[in-house]
Amino acid sequence: MRTIGLIGGMSWESTTEYYRIINRAVAERLGGLHSARILMESLDFAGIAALQSEGRWDEAGRVLAGSARRLADAGAELMVICANTMHKVADEVAHAVDVPLVHVADATARVVLERGLGRVGLLGTAFTMEQHFYRDRLESHGLSVLVPPPDDRAEVHRVIYDELCRGKVLDGSRRRLLEVIGRLIEAGVEGVILGCTELELLLDADADGPVPLFATTRIHALAAVDAALEA
Protein backbone atom coordinates (compact mmCIF):
# COMPACT_ATOMS: atom_id res chain seq x y z
CA MET A 1 0.00 0.00 0.00
CA ARG A 2 1.39 3.39 -1.00
CA THR A 3 1.21 6.35 1.36
CA ILE A 4 -1.30 8.99 0.25
CA GLY A 5 -0.38 12.65 0.70
CA LEU A 6 -3.42 14.86 1.27
CA ILE A 7 -3.16 18.62 0.74
CA GLY A 8 -6.19 19.57 2.79
CA GLY A 9 -7.95 22.34 4.66
CA MET A 10 -9.64 23.87 1.60
CA SER A 11 -11.98 23.65 3.44
CA TRP A 12 -11.43 21.34 6.41
CA GLU A 13 -15.17 20.50 6.30
CA SER A 14 -14.65 18.49 3.12
CA THR A 15 -11.14 17.27 3.98
CA THR A 16 -12.67 15.22 6.79
CA GLU A 17 -14.74 13.47 4.13
CA TYR A 18 -11.61 12.52 2.19
CA TYR A 19 -10.11 10.97 5.32
CA ARG A 20 -13.30 9.06 6.12
CA ILE A 21 -13.94 7.79 2.56
CA ILE A 22 -10.33 6.72 1.97
CA ASN A 23 -10.03 4.81 5.23
CA ARG A 24 -13.42 3.15 4.86
CA ALA A 25 -12.61 2.04 1.31
CA VAL A 26 -9.25 0.57 2.33
CA ALA A 27 -10.90 -1.30 5.21
CA GLU A 28 -13.55 -2.70 2.86
CA ARG A 29 -11.03 -3.80 0.24
CA LEU A 30 -8.35 -5.25 2.52
CA GLY A 31 -10.53 -6.38 5.43
CA GLY A 32 -9.57 -6.91 9.04
CA LEU A 33 -8.09 -3.91 10.82
CA HIS A 34 -6.61 -2.32 7.72
CA SER A 35 -6.72 1.44 7.23
CA ALA A 36 -5.00 3.79 4.81
CA ARG A 37 -1.46 5.08 5.09
CA ILE A 38 -2.01 8.85 4.97
CA LEU A 39 0.09 11.95 5.45
CA MET A 40 -1.86 15.21 5.51
CA GLU A 41 -1.09 18.90 5.67
CA SER A 42 -4.13 21.01 6.44
CA LEU A 43 -3.69 24.56 5.14
CA ASP A 44 -5.33 27.67 6.60
CA PHE A 45 -8.15 28.27 4.13
CA ALA A 46 -8.50 31.96 4.98
CA GLY A 47 -5.18 32.68 3.31
CA ILE A 48 -5.94 30.49 0.31
CA ALA A 49 -9.40 32.06 -0.15
CA ALA A 50 -7.83 35.54 -0.10
CA LEU A 51 -5.38 34.54 -2.84
CA GLN A 52 -8.27 33.15 -4.88
CA SER A 53 -10.39 36.28 -4.63
CA GLU A 54 -7.41 38.52 -5.45
CA GLY A 55 -6.43 36.42 -8.46
CA ARG A 56 -3.01 35.64 -7.00
CA TRP A 57 -2.92 32.13 -8.40
CA ASP A 58 0.86 32.04 -8.86
CA GLU A 59 1.29 32.60 -5.14
CA ALA A 60 -1.40 30.02 -4.37
CA GLY A 61 0.45 27.57 -6.58
CA ARG A 62 3.65 28.14 -4.62
CA VAL A 63 1.81 27.51 -1.34
CA LEU A 64 0.38 24.19 -2.53
CA ALA A 65 3.63 23.16 -4.21
CA GLY A 66 5.42 23.74 -0.92
CA SER A 67 2.88 21.59 0.84
CA ALA A 68 3.36 18.83 -1.72
CA ARG A 69 7.13 18.91 -1.26
CA ARG A 70 6.80 18.64 2.52
CA LEU A 71 4.46 15.67 2.18
CA ALA A 72 6.73 13.95 -0.35
CA ASP A 73 9.77 14.56 1.86
CA ALA A 74 7.84 12.96 4.73
CA GLY A 75 7.15 9.86 2.66
CA ALA A 76 4.00 10.44 0.61
CA GLU A 77 4.05 8.29 -2.54
CA LEU A 78 1.13 9.92 -4.35
CA MET A 79 -0.51 13.33 -4.01
CA VAL A 80 -4.13 14.47 -3.66
CA ILE A 81 -5.36 18.09 -3.63
CA CYS A 82 -8.49 17.90 -1.45
CA ALA A 83 -10.39 20.55 -3.42
CA ASN A 84 -11.71 21.08 -6.93
CA THR A 85 -10.95 24.79 -7.32
CA MET A 86 -7.32 24.44 -6.30
CA HIS A 87 -6.73 22.13 -9.25
CA LYS A 88 -6.25 25.47 -10.99
CA VAL A 89 -2.65 25.04 -9.74
CA ALA A 90 -2.45 21.27 -10.24
CA ASP A 91 0.40 21.55 -12.75
CA GLU A 92 2.53 23.52 -10.28
CA VAL A 93 1.90 20.87 -7.62
CA ALA A 94 2.65 18.00 -9.99
CA HIS A 95 5.91 19.60 -11.15
CA ALA A 96 7.05 20.19 -7.55
CA VAL A 97 7.34 16.50 -6.67
CA ASP A 98 8.40 13.19 -8.20
CA VAL A 99 5.27 11.32 -7.12
CA PRO A 100 2.02 11.08 -9.13
CA LEU A 101 -0.84 13.53 -8.62
CA VAL A 102 -4.34 12.07 -8.72
CA HIS A 103 -6.34 14.71 -10.62
CA VAL A 104 -9.98 15.13 -9.63
CA ALA A 105 -11.23 16.05 -13.12
CA ASP A 106 -9.58 13.01 -14.72
CA ALA A 107 -11.09 10.69 -12.12
CA THR A 108 -14.52 12.31 -12.51
CA ALA A 109 -14.46 12.19 -16.30
CA ARG A 110 -13.70 8.46 -16.21
CA VAL A 111 -16.72 7.79 -13.97
CA VAL A 112 -19.03 9.93 -16.14
CA LEU A 113 -17.91 8.11 -19.29
CA GLU A 114 -18.36 4.74 -17.59
CA ARG A 115 -22.00 5.72 -17.08
CA GLY A 116 -22.30 6.30 -20.81
CA LEU A 117 -22.95 10.04 -20.55
CA GLY A 118 -21.53 12.74 -22.81
CA ARG A 119 -23.18 16.06 -21.85
CA VAL A 120 -22.93 17.14 -18.21
CA GLY A 121 -23.57 20.21 -16.10
CA LEU A 122 -20.90 21.55 -13.77
CA LEU A 123 -21.52 23.14 -10.37
CA GLY A 124 -18.72 24.58 -8.27
CA THR A 125 -17.15 27.82 -7.19
CA ALA A 126 -17.26 30.72 -9.63
CA PHE A 127 -13.58 30.01 -10.38
CA THR A 128 -14.33 26.40 -11.33
CA MET A 129 -17.43 27.23 -13.38
CA GLU A 130 -16.17 30.35 -15.16
CA GLN A 131 -12.49 29.65 -15.80
CA HIS A 132 -11.26 27.05 -18.24
CA PHE A 133 -8.83 24.94 -16.21
CA TYR A 134 -11.51 22.48 -15.03
CA ARG A 135 -13.87 22.42 -18.00
CA ASP A 136 -10.98 22.02 -20.43
CA ARG A 137 -9.70 19.03 -18.47
CA LEU A 138 -13.15 17.40 -18.55
CA GLU A 139 -13.58 18.19 -22.25
CA SER A 140 -10.18 16.68 -23.03
CA HIS A 141 -11.81 13.33 -22.21
CA GLY A 142 -14.56 13.97 -24.78
CA LEU A 143 -17.25 15.38 -22.52
CA SER A 144 -19.48 18.34 -23.34
CA VAL A 145 -19.76 20.62 -20.27
CA LEU A 146 -22.46 23.19 -19.51
CA VAL A 147 -22.39 25.65 -16.61
CA PRO A 148 -25.37 27.56 -15.14
CA PRO A 149 -26.22 31.15 -16.17
CA PRO A 150 -24.64 34.06 -14.21
CA ASP A 151 -27.28 34.44 -11.48
CA ASP A 152 -27.24 30.73 -10.72
CA ARG A 153 -23.44 30.67 -10.69
CA ALA A 154 -23.40 33.52 -8.19
CA GLU A 155 -25.83 31.69 -5.91
CA VAL A 156 -23.89 28.43 -5.99
CA HIS A 157 -20.67 30.32 -5.20
CA ARG A 158 -22.35 32.16 -2.31
CA VAL A 159 -23.68 28.95 -0.79
CA ILE A 160 -20.24 27.36 -0.93
CA TYR A 161 -18.26 30.19 0.67
CA ASP A 162 -20.82 31.80 2.97
CA GLU A 163 -22.46 28.59 4.20
CA LEU A 164 -20.85 25.23 3.48
CA CYS A 165 -17.24 26.25 4.13
CA ARG A 166 -18.50 27.60 7.47
CA GLY A 167 -20.30 24.41 8.40
CA LYS A 168 -23.82 25.68 7.58
CA VAL A 169 -26.01 23.14 5.79
CA LEU A 170 -29.39 24.79 5.11
CA ASP A 171 -32.51 23.22 3.61
CA GLY A 172 -33.37 26.44 1.75
CA SER A 173 -30.03 26.37 -0.02
CA ARG A 174 -30.53 22.72 -0.92
CA ARG A 175 -33.83 23.62 -2.58
CA ARG A 176 -32.23 26.49 -4.51
CA LEU A 177 -29.39 24.30 -5.77
CA LEU A 178 -31.86 21.64 -6.86
CA GLU A 179 -33.62 24.37 -8.84
CA VAL A 180 -30.29 25.23 -10.48
CA ILE A 181 -29.84 21.56 -11.35
CA GLY A 182 -33.37 21.50 -12.75
CA ARG A 183 -32.55 24.35 -15.11
CA LEU A 184 -29.41 22.55 -16.28
CA ILE A 185 -31.52 19.49 -17.02
CA GLU A 186 -33.94 21.64 -19.01
CA ALA A 187 -30.91 22.85 -21.00
CA GLY A 188 -30.15 19.26 -21.96
CA VAL A 189 -27.55 17.84 -19.56
CA GLU A 190 -27.59 14.11 -18.84
CA GLY A 191 -25.90 14.40 -15.46
CA VAL A 192 -24.40 17.03 -13.14
CA ILE A 193 -20.90 17.12 -11.67
CA LEU A 194 -20.78 18.42 -8.10
CA GLY A 195 -17.47 20.13 -8.82
CA CYS A 196 -16.84 21.45 -5.34
CA THR A 197 -15.99 19.16 -2.46
CA GLU A 198 -18.34 21.03 -0.11
CA LEU A 199 -21.42 20.51 -2.29
CA GLU A 200 -21.67 16.91 -1.10
CA LEU A 201 -22.32 18.22 2.40
CA LEU A 202 -25.57 19.66 1.02
CA LEU A 203 -26.60 17.37 -1.85
CA ASP A 204 -26.92 13.60 -1.71
CA ALA A 205 -25.64 12.27 -5.01
CA ASP A 206 -27.59 9.04 -4.48
CA ALA A 207 -30.95 10.68 -3.79
CA ASP A 208 -31.21 14.33 -4.81
CA GLY A 209 -31.11 14.30 -8.60
CA PRO A 210 -33.50 13.24 -11.38
CA VAL A 211 -30.29 12.73 -13.38
CA PRO A 212 -27.02 11.27 -12.05
CA LEU A 213 -25.09 13.57 -9.71
CA PHE A 214 -21.36 12.94 -9.65
CA ALA A 215 -19.87 13.41 -6.19
CA THR A 216 -16.30 14.50 -6.86
CA THR A 217 -15.08 14.12 -3.26
CA ARG A 218 -16.03 10.46 -3.23
CA ILE A 219 -14.84 9.86 -6.79
CA HIS A 220 -11.49 11.54 -6.10
CA ALA A 221 -10.96 9.78 -2.77
CA LEU A 222 -11.69 6.36 -4.29
CA ALA A 223 -9.32 7.11 -7.18
CA ALA A 224 -6.63 7.80 -4.57
CA VAL A 225 -7.38 4.43 -2.97
CA ASP A 226 -7.08 2.73 -6.37
CA ALA A 227 -3.69 4.37 -6.90
CA ALA A 228 -2.50 3.46 -3.40
CA LEU A 229 -3.48 -0.20 -3.72
CA GLU A 230 -2.49 -0.91 -7.31
CA ALA A 231 0.36 -3.36 -7.75
Foldseek 3Di string as FASTA:
>chain_A
DFEEEEEAPLPVLLVVVLQVLQQVVQCVVVPDPDGHRYDYDHDPNVVVVVCVVVVVLVVVLVVLLVSLVVRVVVGGQEYEYQKLLNCVNVVSNCVSDPHYYQHLLVLLLVVCVVVVFAEEEEADACSCQPDPSRVVSSCVSPHHYDYFPDVLNVLSNCCVPVAQSVPHADPVSLVSVLVRVVVVVVVPGQEYEHRTSSVCVHDPQVPRDPHGYHRSSSSSSVVSSCVRPDD
